[in-house]
Amino acid sequence: MDFTEIIITVITVAGSTGIWQFISTRYKENKEKEKFDHINSDGVQYRDDLKHRVRNLEELLSKSSQEKDEMREQVLALTAEVHSLRVKVEFLEKENERLKNL
């Protein structure tokens, strides 16, 4: 082997290593850019916005359901109280009539 062949071999090896590093670095950068573009695309942002809105609506629906149940319990309690008051009024009216006739 002469000196020129050694130099050409060293340059070839160094060049191929450099090219490999360049290609792998470029590939990684492209993948990161694609990932960034995908995350920030309008479709993804629109989907995320819809997910957020659905979560909010589900929370509102849950709160509304709880409030409805509480109101239903209050209505039942008030209805029971009205019935008991009606019975008392009837009793008092009968008692009043009885006392008037004495």
N, C-alpha and C. Protein backbone atom coordinates (compact mmCIF):
# COMPACT_ATOMS: atom_id res chain seq x y z
N MET A 1 0.84 -1.18 0.00
CA MET A 1 0.00 0.00 0.00
C MET A 1 0.88 1.24 0.00
N ASP A 2 0.50 2.12 -0.83
CA ASP A 2 1.29 3.35 -0.79
C ASP A 2 0.54 4.41 -0.01
N PHE A 3 1.18 5.48 0.18
CA PHE A 3 0.68 6.57 1.03
C PHE A 3 -0.62 7.15 0.49
N THR A 4 -0.80 7.25 -0.80
CA THR A 4 -2.00 7.82 -1.41
C THR A 4 -3.22 6.93 -1.11
N GLU A 5 -3.07 5.65 -1.18
CA GLU A 5 -4.19 4.75 -0.89
C GLU A 5 -4.61 4.87 0.57
N ILE A 6 -3.64 5.03 1.45
CA ILE A 6 -3.95 5.19 2.87
C ILE A 6 -4.73 6.48 3.11
N ILE A 7 -4.29 7.55 2.49
CA ILE A 7 -4.95 8.84 2.64
C ILE A 7 -6.37 8.76 2.07
N ILE A 8 -6.53 8.14 0.89
CA ILE A 8 -7.86 8.01 0.28
C ILE A 8 -8.77 7.18 1.18
N THR A 9 -8.27 6.11 1.79
CA THR A 9 -9.05 5.27 2.68
C THR A 9 -9.47 6.06 3.91
N VAL A 10 -8.54 6.81 4.51
CA VAL A 10 -8.85 7.61 5.69
C VAL A 10 -9.90 8.67 5.35
N ILE A 11 -9.76 9.34 4.23
CA ILE A 11 -10.72 10.36 3.82
C ILE A 11 -12.09 9.73 3.57
N THR A 12 -12.12 8.57 2.95
CA THR A 12 -13.38 7.88 2.67
C THR A 12 -14.08 7.50 3.97
N VAL A 13 -13.35 6.93 4.91
CA VAL A 13 -13.93 6.53 6.19
C VAL A 13 -14.43 7.76 6.95
N ALA A 14 -13.63 8.80 7.01
CA ALA A 14 -14.03 10.01 7.72
C ALA A 14 -15.24 10.65 7.04
N GLY A 15 -15.24 10.65 5.73
CA GLY A 15 -16.34 11.23 4.98
C GLY A 15 -17.63 10.45 5.17
N SER A 16 -17.55 9.14 5.17
CA SER A 16 -18.77 8.33 5.33
C SER A 16 -19.33 8.48 6.75
N THR A 17 -18.47 8.61 7.74
CA THR A 17 -18.92 8.83 9.12
C THR A 17 -19.61 10.19 9.22
N GLY A 18 -19.01 11.18 8.62
CA GLY A 18 -19.60 12.52 8.63
C GLY A 18 -20.93 12.55 7.91
N ILE A 19 -20.99 11.86 6.77
CA ILE A 19 -22.24 11.80 6.02
C ILE A 19 -23.31 11.09 6.85
N TRP A 20 -22.93 9.99 7.50
CA TRP A 20 -23.90 9.25 8.33
C TRP A 20 -24.42 10.13 9.47
N GLN A 21 -23.55 10.86 10.11
CA GLN A 21 -23.97 11.75 11.19
C GLN A 21 -24.90 12.85 10.65
N PHE A 22 -24.54 13.40 9.49
CA PHE A 22 -25.36 14.43 8.88
C PHE A 22 -26.76 13.89 8.56
N ILE A 23 -26.81 12.72 7.95
CA ILE A 23 -28.10 12.13 7.57
C ILE A 23 -28.94 11.81 8.81
N SER A 24 -28.33 11.23 9.85
CA SER A 24 -29.09 10.89 11.05
C SER A 24 -29.58 12.14 11.77
N THR A 25 -28.75 13.17 11.83
CA THR A 25 -29.16 14.43 12.45
C THR A 25 -30.31 15.06 11.67
N ARG A 26 -30.21 15.06 10.38
CA ARG A 26 -31.25 15.64 9.54
C ARG A 26 -32.56 14.86 9.69
N TYR A 27 -32.46 13.55 9.75
CA TYR A 27 -33.65 12.70 9.92
C TYR A 27 -34.34 13.01 11.26
N LYS A 28 -33.56 13.14 12.33
CA LYS A 28 -34.13 13.46 13.64
C LYS A 28 -34.82 14.82 13.63
N GLU A 29 -34.18 15.80 13.00
CA GLU A 29 -34.76 17.13 12.92
C GLU A 29 -36.08 17.11 12.15
N ASN A 30 -36.11 16.36 11.05
CA ASN A 30 -37.33 16.26 10.26
C ASN A 30 -38.45 15.60 11.06
N LYS A 31 -38.12 14.55 11.81
CA LYS A 31 -39.13 13.88 12.63
C LYS A 31 -39.67 14.82 13.71
N GLU A 32 -38.79 15.59 14.35
CA GLU A 32 -39.23 16.54 15.37
C GLU A 32 -40.10 17.62 14.76
N LYS A 33 -39.75 18.08 13.56
CA LYS A 33 -40.55 19.10 12.88
C LYS A 33 -41.92 18.54 12.53
N GLU A 34 -41.98 17.31 12.02
CA GLU A 34 -43.26 16.69 11.70
C GLU A 34 -44.12 16.54 12.95
N LYS A 35 -43.50 16.13 14.04
CA LYS A 35 -44.22 15.97 15.30
C LYS A 35 -44.78 17.31 15.78
N PHE A 36 -43.94 18.36 15.71
CA PHE A 36 -44.35 19.70 16.10
C PHE A 36 -45.50 20.19 15.21
N ASP A 37 -45.36 19.98 13.89
CA ASP A 37 -46.41 20.41 12.96
C ASP A 37 -47.71 19.65 13.21
N HIS A 38 -47.59 18.36 13.54
CA HIS A 38 -48.79 17.56 13.81
C HIS A 38 -49.49 18.05 15.07
N ILE A 39 -48.71 18.34 16.11
CA ILE A 39 -49.30 18.81 17.37
C ILE A 39 -49.97 20.17 17.18
N ASN A 40 -49.38 21.02 16.36
CA ASN A 40 -49.90 22.37 16.20
C ASN A 40 -50.79 22.53 14.98
N SER A 41 -51.19 21.45 14.35
CA SER A 41 -52.04 21.56 13.18
C SER A 41 -53.45 21.98 13.60
N ASP A 42 -54.19 22.54 12.66
CA ASP A 42 -55.54 23.02 12.95
C ASP A 42 -56.46 21.88 13.35
N GLY A 43 -56.32 20.73 12.70
CA GLY A 43 -57.17 19.59 13.02
C GLY A 43 -56.99 19.12 14.45
N VAL A 44 -55.75 19.06 14.89
CA VAL A 44 -55.47 18.60 16.26
C VAL A 44 -55.96 19.63 17.26
N GLN A 45 -55.73 20.91 16.99
CA GLN A 45 -56.21 21.94 17.90
C GLN A 45 -57.73 21.96 17.95
N TYR A 46 -58.39 21.76 16.81
CA TYR A 46 -59.85 21.71 16.77
C TYR A 46 -60.36 20.52 17.58
N ARG A 47 -59.70 19.37 17.44
CA ARG A 47 -60.09 18.17 18.18
C ARG A 47 -59.91 18.39 19.68
N ASP A 48 -58.78 18.97 20.06
CA ASP A 48 -58.54 19.22 21.48
C ASP A 48 -59.57 20.20 22.04
N ASP A 49 -59.94 21.21 21.24
CA ASP A 49 -60.95 22.17 21.68
C ASP A 49 -62.29 21.46 21.87
N LEU A 50 -62.63 20.57 20.95
CA LEU A 50 -63.89 19.83 21.09
C LEU A 50 -63.87 18.93 22.32
N LYS A 51 -62.75 18.28 22.59
CA LYS A 51 -62.64 17.44 23.78
C LYS A 51 -62.86 18.28 25.04
N HIS A 52 -62.26 19.46 25.07
CA HIS A 52 -62.40 20.35 26.23
C HIS A 52 -63.87 20.78 26.39
N ARG A 53 -64.52 21.11 25.29
CA ARG A 53 -65.91 21.53 25.36
C ARG A 53 -66.81 20.39 25.82
N VAL A 54 -66.53 19.18 25.36
CA VAL A 54 -67.33 18.02 25.78
C VAL A 54 -67.17 17.79 27.27
N ARG A 55 -65.92 17.89 27.78
CA ARG A 55 -65.70 17.73 29.22
C ARG A 55 -66.51 18.76 30.01
N ASN A 56 -66.49 20.01 29.55
CA ASN A 56 -67.24 21.07 30.23
C ASN A 56 -68.74 20.78 30.21
N LEU A 57 -69.24 20.33 29.07
CA LEU A 57 -70.67 20.03 28.97
C LEU A 57 -71.04 18.84 29.86
N GLU A 58 -70.17 17.85 29.95
CA GLU A 58 -70.44 16.72 30.83
C GLU A 58 -70.49 17.16 32.29
N GLU A 59 -69.58 18.05 32.69
CA GLU A 59 -69.59 18.57 34.06
C GLU A 59 -70.88 19.35 34.32
N LEU A 60 -71.29 20.19 33.36
CA LEU A 60 -72.53 20.95 33.53
C LEU A 60 -73.73 20.03 33.62
N LEU A 61 -73.74 18.99 32.81
CA LEU A 61 -74.85 18.04 32.83
C LEU A 61 -74.90 17.31 34.17
N SER A 62 -73.74 16.96 34.69
CA SER A 62 -73.69 16.27 35.99
C SER A 62 -74.21 17.19 37.10
N LYS A 63 -73.76 18.45 37.10
CA LYS A 63 -74.23 19.41 38.10
C LYS A 63 -75.74 19.62 37.98
N SER A 64 -76.21 19.73 36.74
CA SER A 64 -77.64 19.93 36.51
C SER A 64 -78.44 18.73 37.02
N SER A 65 -77.93 17.55 36.81
CA SER A 65 -78.61 16.34 37.29
C SER A 65 -78.68 16.32 38.81
N GLN A 66 -77.58 16.71 39.46
CA GLN A 66 -77.58 16.76 40.93
C GLN A 66 -78.57 17.80 41.44
N GLU A 67 -78.58 18.96 40.80
CA GLU A 67 -79.52 20.01 41.21
C GLU A 67 -80.96 19.55 41.01
N LYS A 68 -81.22 18.85 39.92
CA LYS A 68 -82.56 18.35 39.65
C LYS A 68 -82.98 17.36 40.75
N ASP A 69 -82.07 16.48 41.13
CA ASP A 69 -82.39 15.52 42.20
C ASP A 69 -82.68 16.24 43.52
N GLU A 70 -81.87 17.26 43.83
CA GLU A 70 -82.11 18.03 45.05
C GLU A 70 -83.46 18.73 45.00
N MET A 71 -83.80 19.31 43.87
CA MET A 71 -85.09 20.00 43.72
C MET A 71 -86.24 19.01 43.86
N ARG A 72 -86.08 17.83 43.29
CA ARG A 72 -87.12 16.81 43.39
C ARG A 72 -87.36 16.43 44.85
N GLU A 73 -86.28 16.28 45.62
CA GLU A 73 -86.41 15.97 47.05
C GLU A 73 -87.11 17.10 47.79
N GLN A 74 -86.77 18.34 47.45
CA GLN A 74 -87.43 19.48 48.09
C GLN A 74 -88.92 19.52 47.75
N VAL A 75 -89.26 19.24 46.50
CA VAL A 75 -90.67 19.24 46.09
C VAL A 75 -91.42 18.15 46.85
N LEU A 76 -90.82 16.98 46.98
CA LEU A 76 -91.48 15.90 47.72
C LEU A 76 -91.69 16.27 49.19
N ALA A 77 -90.67 16.90 49.78
CA ALA A 77 -90.80 17.32 51.19
C ALA A 77 -91.89 18.37 51.33
N LEU A 78 -91.93 19.34 50.41
CA LEU A 78 -92.96 20.39 50.47
C LEU A 78 -94.35 19.81 50.23
N THR A 79 -94.46 18.85 49.33
CA THR A 79 -95.75 18.21 49.07
C THR A 79 -96.26 17.49 50.31
N ALA A 80 -95.37 16.78 50.99
CA ALA A 80 -95.75 16.09 52.22
C ALA A 80 -96.20 17.10 53.28
N GLU A 81 -95.50 18.22 53.37
CA GLU A 81 -95.87 19.24 54.35
C GLU A 81 -97.23 19.86 54.01
N VAL A 82 -97.49 20.09 52.73
CA VAL A 82 -98.79 20.64 52.32
C VAL A 82 -99.91 19.67 52.69
N HIS A 83 -99.69 18.39 52.47
CA HIS A 83 -100.73 17.41 52.83
C HIS A 83 -101.00 17.39 54.33
N SER A 84 -99.92 17.46 55.10
CA SER A 84 -100.14 17.46 56.55
C SER A 84 -100.87 18.73 56.99
N LEU A 85 -100.56 19.86 56.36
CA LEU A 85 -101.26 21.10 56.71
C LEU A 85 -102.72 21.04 56.31
N ARG A 86 -103.02 20.40 55.19
CA ARG A 86 -104.43 20.25 54.79
C ARG A 86 -105.22 19.44 55.82
N VAL A 87 -104.59 18.39 56.33
CA VAL A 87 -105.26 17.58 57.35
C VAL A 87 -105.51 18.42 58.60
N LYS A 88 -104.53 19.22 58.99
CA LYS A 88 -104.70 20.07 60.17
C LYS A 88 -105.80 21.08 59.96
N VAL A 89 -105.85 21.67 58.76
CA VAL A 89 -106.89 22.66 58.47
C VAL A 89 -108.27 22.00 58.53
N GLU A 90 -108.40 20.84 57.94
CA GLU A 90 -109.69 20.13 58.00
C GLU A 90 -110.09 19.85 59.44
N PHE A 91 -109.14 19.39 60.22
CA PHE A 91 -109.42 19.11 61.64
C PHE A 91 -109.84 20.38 62.36
N LEU A 92 -109.12 21.49 62.11
CA LEU A 92 -109.46 22.76 62.78
C LEU A 92 -110.81 23.28 62.32
N GLU A 93 -111.16 23.12 61.05
CA GLU A 93 -112.47 23.56 60.57
C GLU A 93 -113.59 22.76 61.24
N LYS A 94 -113.38 21.46 61.36
CA LYS A 94 -114.39 20.62 62.03
C LYS A 94 -114.52 21.02 63.51
N GLU A 95 -113.39 21.26 64.13
CA GLU A 95 -113.39 21.66 65.54
C GLU A 95 -114.07 23.02 65.70
N ASN A 96 -113.81 23.92 64.78
CA ASN A 96 -114.42 25.24 64.82
C ASN A 96 -115.94 25.12 64.66
N GLU A 97 -116.40 24.32 63.73
CA GLU A 97 -117.85 24.10 63.54
C GLU A 97 -118.48 23.48 64.79
N ARG A 98 -117.76 22.56 65.38
CA ARG A 98 -118.27 21.91 66.58
C ARG A 98 -118.43 22.93 67.72
N LEU A 99 -117.39 23.81 67.85
CA LEU A 99 -117.46 24.82 68.90
C LEU A 99 -118.55 25.86 68.63
N LYS A 100 -118.81 26.19 67.40
CA LYS A 100 -119.87 27.15 67.05
C LYS A 100 -121.24 26.58 67.41
N ASN A 101 -121.41 25.33 67.24
CA ASN A 101 -122.72 24.70 67.49
C ASN A 101 -122.97 24.48 68.99
N LEU A 102 -122.00 24.65 69.81
CA LEU A 102 -122.23 24.49 71.25
C LEU A 102 -122.93 25.60 71.87
